[in-house]
C-alpha atoms as a PDB file:
ATOM      1  CA  GLN A   1    -246.690  46.693 -54.541  1.00  0.00           C
ATOM      2  CA  VAL A   2    -247.031  46.765 -50.773  1.00  0.00           C
ATOM      3  CA  GLN A   3    -247.791  43.660 -48.755  1.00  0.00           C
ATOM      4  CA  LEU A   4    -249.350  44.002 -45.310  1.00  0.00           C
ATOM      5  CA  VAL A   5    -249.565  41.288 -42.679  1.00  0.00           C
ATOM      6  CA  GLU A   6    -251.507  41.802 -39.457  1.00  0.00           C
ATOM      7  CA  SER A   7    -250.938  39.917 -36.230  1.00  0.00           C
ATOM      8  CA  GLY A   8    -251.809  40.129 -32.576  1.00  0.00           C
ATOM      9  CA  GLY A   9    -255.500  39.361 -32.630  1.00  0.00           C
ATOM     10  CA  GLY A  10    -257.102  36.935 -30.238  1.00  0.00           C
ATOM     11  CA  LEU A  11    -259.656  36.377 -27.522  1.00  0.00           C
ATOM     12  CA  VAL A  12    -259.701  38.754 -24.572  1.00  0.00           C
ATOM     13  CA  GLN A  13    -262.100  39.559 -21.769  1.00  0.00           C
ATOM     14  CA  ALA A  14    -263.891  42.869 -21.637  1.00  0.00           C
ATOM     15  CA  GLY A  15    -261.662  45.476 -20.048  1.00  0.00           C
ATOM     16  CA  GLY A  16    -258.523  43.803 -21.319  1.00  0.00           C
ATOM     17  CA  SER A  17    -255.931  44.905 -23.845  1.00  0.00           C
ATOM     18  CA  LEU A  18    -254.436  43.741 -27.114  1.00  0.00           C
ATOM     19  CA  ARG A  19    -251.803  45.166 -29.401  1.00  0.00           C
ATOM     20  CA  LEU A  20    -252.171  44.598 -33.102  1.00  0.00           C
ATOM     21  CA  SER A  21    -249.222  44.832 -35.448  1.00  0.00           C
ATOM     22  CA  CYS A  22    -249.102  45.286 -39.188  1.00  0.00           C
ATOM     23  CA  ALA A  23    -245.833  44.535 -40.935  1.00  0.00           C
ATOM     24  CA  ALA A  24    -245.289  46.053 -44.371  1.00  0.00           C
ATOM     25  CA  SER A  25    -243.003  44.966 -47.167  1.00  0.00           C
ATOM     26  CA  GLY A  26    -242.467  45.669 -50.830  1.00  0.00           C
ATOM     27  CA  GLY A  27    -242.590  49.434 -50.702  1.00  0.00           C
ATOM     28  CA  THR A  28    -241.222  52.502 -49.006  1.00  0.00           C
ATOM     29  CA  PHE A  29    -243.168  52.268 -45.782  1.00  0.00           C
ATOM     30  CA  SER A  30    -242.453  55.819 -44.707  1.00  0.00           C
ATOM     31  CA  SER A  31    -244.149  57.076 -47.881  1.00  0.00           C
ATOM     32  CA  TYR A  32    -247.518  55.687 -46.878  1.00  0.00           C
ATOM     33  CA  ALA A  33    -250.199  56.800 -44.509  1.00  0.00           C
ATOM     34  CA  MET A  34    -251.609  53.852 -42.608  1.00  0.00           C
ATOM     35  CA  GLY A  35    -255.061  53.080 -41.375  1.00  0.00           C
ATOM     36  CA  TRP A  36    -256.772  50.485 -39.228  1.00  0.00           C
ATOM     37  CA  PHE A  37    -260.288  49.411 -40.108  1.00  0.00           C
ATOM     38  CA  ARG A  38    -262.573  46.761 -38.707  1.00  0.00           C
ATOM     39  CA  GLN A  39    -265.569  44.766 -39.808  1.00  0.00           C
ATOM     40  CA  ALA A  40    -267.923  43.049 -37.432  1.00  0.00           C
ATOM     41  CA  PRO A  41    -270.259  40.238 -38.572  1.00  0.00           C
ATOM     42  CA  GLY A  42    -273.171  41.651 -40.498  1.00  0.00           C
ATOM     43  CA  LYS A  43    -271.808  45.178 -40.411  1.00  0.00           C
ATOM     44  CA  GLU A  44    -270.050  47.489 -42.790  1.00  0.00           C
ATOM     45  CA  ARG A  45    -266.321  47.995 -42.581  1.00  0.00           C
ATOM     46  CA  GLU A  46    -265.520  51.029 -40.470  1.00  0.00           C
ATOM     47  CA  PHE A  47    -262.569  53.292 -39.894  1.00  0.00           C
ATOM     48  CA  VAL A  48    -260.812  52.851 -36.555  1.00  0.00           C
ATOM     49  CA  ALA A  49    -257.627  54.908 -36.657  1.00  0.00           C
ATOM     50  CA  GLY A  50    -255.167  56.487 -39.065  1.00  0.00           C
ATOM     51  CA  ILE A  51    -251.641  57.818 -38.919  1.00  0.00           C
ATOM     52  CA  SER A  52    -249.646  60.021 -41.259  1.00  0.00           C
ATOM     53  CA  TRP A  53    -246.340  59.149 -42.918  1.00  0.00           C
ATOM     54  CA  THR A  54    -244.208  60.517 -40.100  1.00  0.00           C
ATOM     55  CA  GLY A  55    -246.608  59.627 -37.312  1.00  0.00           C
ATOM     56  CA  GLY A  56    -247.117  63.273 -36.527  1.00  0.00           C
ATOM     57  CA  SER A  57    -250.861  63.175 -37.179  1.00  0.00           C
ATOM     58  CA  THR A  58    -253.305  60.608 -35.900  1.00  0.00           C
ATOM     59  CA  TYR A  59    -257.061  60.242 -36.247  1.00  0.00           C
ATOM     60  CA  TYR A  60    -259.549  58.056 -34.423  1.00  0.00           C
ATOM     61  CA  ALA A  61    -263.141  57.010 -34.663  1.00  0.00           C
ATOM     62  CA  GLU A  62    -265.194  58.440 -31.821  1.00  0.00           C
ATOM     63  CA  SER A  63    -265.997  54.954 -30.600  1.00  0.00           C
ATOM     64  CA  VAL A  64    -262.344  54.182 -29.836  1.00  0.00           C
ATOM     65  CA  LYS A  65    -260.970  57.589 -28.938  1.00  0.00           C
ATOM     66  CA  GLY A  66    -259.242  57.477 -25.558  1.00  0.00           C
ATOM     67  CA  ARG A  67    -259.002  53.680 -25.612  1.00  0.00           C
ATOM     68  CA  PHE A  68    -257.006  52.890 -28.769  1.00  0.00           C
ATOM     69  CA  THR A  69    -253.656  54.292 -29.839  1.00  0.00           C
ATOM     70  CA  ILE A  70    -252.156  54.033 -33.305  1.00  0.00           C
ATOM     71  CA  SER A  71    -248.411  54.328 -33.757  1.00  0.00           C
ATOM     72  CA  ARG A  72    -245.763  53.410 -36.278  1.00  0.00           C
ATOM     73  CA  ASP A  73    -242.101  52.500 -36.385  1.00  0.00           C
ATOM     74  CA  ASN A  74    -240.759  53.355 -39.811  1.00  0.00           C
ATOM     75  CA  ALA A  75    -237.454  51.651 -39.045  1.00  0.00           C
ATOM     76  CA  LYS A  76    -239.354  48.381 -38.560  1.00  0.00           C
ATOM     77  CA  ASN A  77    -241.911  48.980 -41.325  1.00  0.00           C
ATOM     78  CA  THR A  78    -244.639  48.334 -38.795  1.00  0.00           C
ATOM     79  CA  VAL A  79    -247.783  50.069 -37.619  1.00  0.00           C
ATOM     80  CA  TYR A  80    -249.426  49.221 -34.307  1.00  0.00           C
ATOM     81  CA  LEU A  81    -252.824  49.517 -32.732  1.00  0.00           C
ATOM     82  CA  GLN A  82    -252.805  49.420 -28.954  1.00  0.00           C
ATOM     83  CA  MET A  83    -256.304  48.594 -27.764  1.00  0.00           C
ATOM     84  CA  ASN A  84    -257.153  49.129 -24.104  1.00  0.00           C
ATOM     85  CA  ARG A  85    -260.387  48.815 -22.149  1.00  0.00           C
ATOM     86  CA  LEU A  86    -261.797  46.559 -24.813  1.00  0.00           C
ATOM     87  CA  LYS A  87    -265.543  46.116 -25.081  1.00  0.00           C
ATOM     88  CA  PRO A  88    -267.590  43.302 -26.621  1.00  0.00           C
ATOM     89  CA  GLU A  89    -268.610  45.710 -29.387  1.00  0.00           C
ATOM     90  CA  ASP A  90    -264.954  45.918 -30.441  1.00  0.00           C
ATOM     91  CA  THR A  91    -265.236  42.331 -31.671  1.00  0.00           C
ATOM     92  CA  ALA A  92    -264.378  42.328 -35.377  1.00  0.00           C
ATOM     93  CA  ILE A  93    -261.804  41.459 -37.960  1.00  0.00           C
ATOM     94  CA  TYR A  94    -259.218  44.212 -37.936  1.00  0.00           C
ATOM     95  CA  TYR A  95    -257.461  45.221 -41.140  1.00  0.00           C
ATOM     96  CA  CYS A  96    -254.569  47.522 -41.764  1.00  0.00           C
ATOM     97  CA  ALA A  97    -254.368  49.522 -44.958  1.00  0.00           C
ATOM     98  CA  ALA A  98    -251.851  51.743 -46.712  1.00  0.00           C
ATOM     99  CA  ASP A  99    -252.154  54.632 -49.089  1.00  0.00           C
ATOM    100  CA  ARG A 100    -250.250  57.715 -50.146  1.00  0.00           C
ATOM    101  CA  HIS A 101    -253.002  59.819 -48.593  1.00  0.00           C
ATOM    102  CA  LEU A 102    -254.401  59.715 -45.078  1.00  0.00           C
ATOM    103  CA  GLY A 103    -258.149  59.422 -44.786  1.00  0.00           C
ATOM    104  CA  ARG A 104    -261.082  57.792 -43.051  1.00  0.00           C
ATOM    105  CA  VAL A 105    -262.643  56.228 -46.119  1.00  0.00           C
ATOM    106  CA  GLY A 106    -261.650  52.652 -46.747  1.00  0.00           C
ATOM    107  CA  ALA A 107    -262.236  52.820 -50.474  1.00  0.00           C
ATOM    108  CA  MET A 108    -259.380  55.275 -50.902  1.00  0.00           C
ATOM    109  CA  TYR A 109    -256.776  52.920 -49.471  1.00  0.00           C
ATOM    110  CA  GLU A 110    -254.778  51.072 -52.087  1.00  0.00           C
ATOM    111  CA  TYR A 111    -253.273  48.196 -50.094  1.00  0.00           C
ATOM    112  CA  TRP A 112    -254.867  45.926 -47.514  1.00  0.00           C
ATOM    113  CA  GLY A 113    -253.823  43.148 -45.210  1.00  0.00           C
ATOM    114  CA  GLN A 114    -255.698  39.913 -44.734  1.00  0.00           C
ATOM    115  CA  GLY A 115    -257.047  40.845 -41.313  1.00  0.00           C
ATOM    116  CA  THR A 116    -256.736  39.555 -37.780  1.00  0.00           C
ATOM    117  CA  GLN A 117    -259.650  38.487 -35.612  1.00  0.00           C
ATOM    118  CA  VAL A 118    -260.341  40.178 -32.300  1.00  0.00           C
ATOM    119  CA  ILE A 119    -262.962  38.689 -29.984  1.00  0.00           C
ATOM    120  CA  VAL A 120    -263.900  40.427 -26.766  1.00  0.00           C
ATOM    121  CA  SER A 121    -265.935  38.339 -24.354  1.00  0.00           C
ATOM    122  CA  SER A 122    -268.277  39.872 -21.822  1.00  0.00           C
END
């Protein structure tokens, strides 16, 4: 059983930056692909970024490509999401997720964190 705890959310002005962290425990972190997803009010949950077990492969949604960077530190059991040039439409609850397989579909991820709120003001 893997537990995931996100942190780093908050209120930021458009154009600003935030770095989200997701700390994992209870499993072999380096065995899991990790993903970041987000859900805005009234919208479906959507894929944001994913990273493979070693960090050698990363994937991004088109809407965040070039602005967000996913990374991981297997020694610290932590995955990060660096978010730059934030836009009001990035406002959402951000969730990290873990699974043995890397993908863009939320339903395939076995473990989820509780989420962290990001609000981008215009």
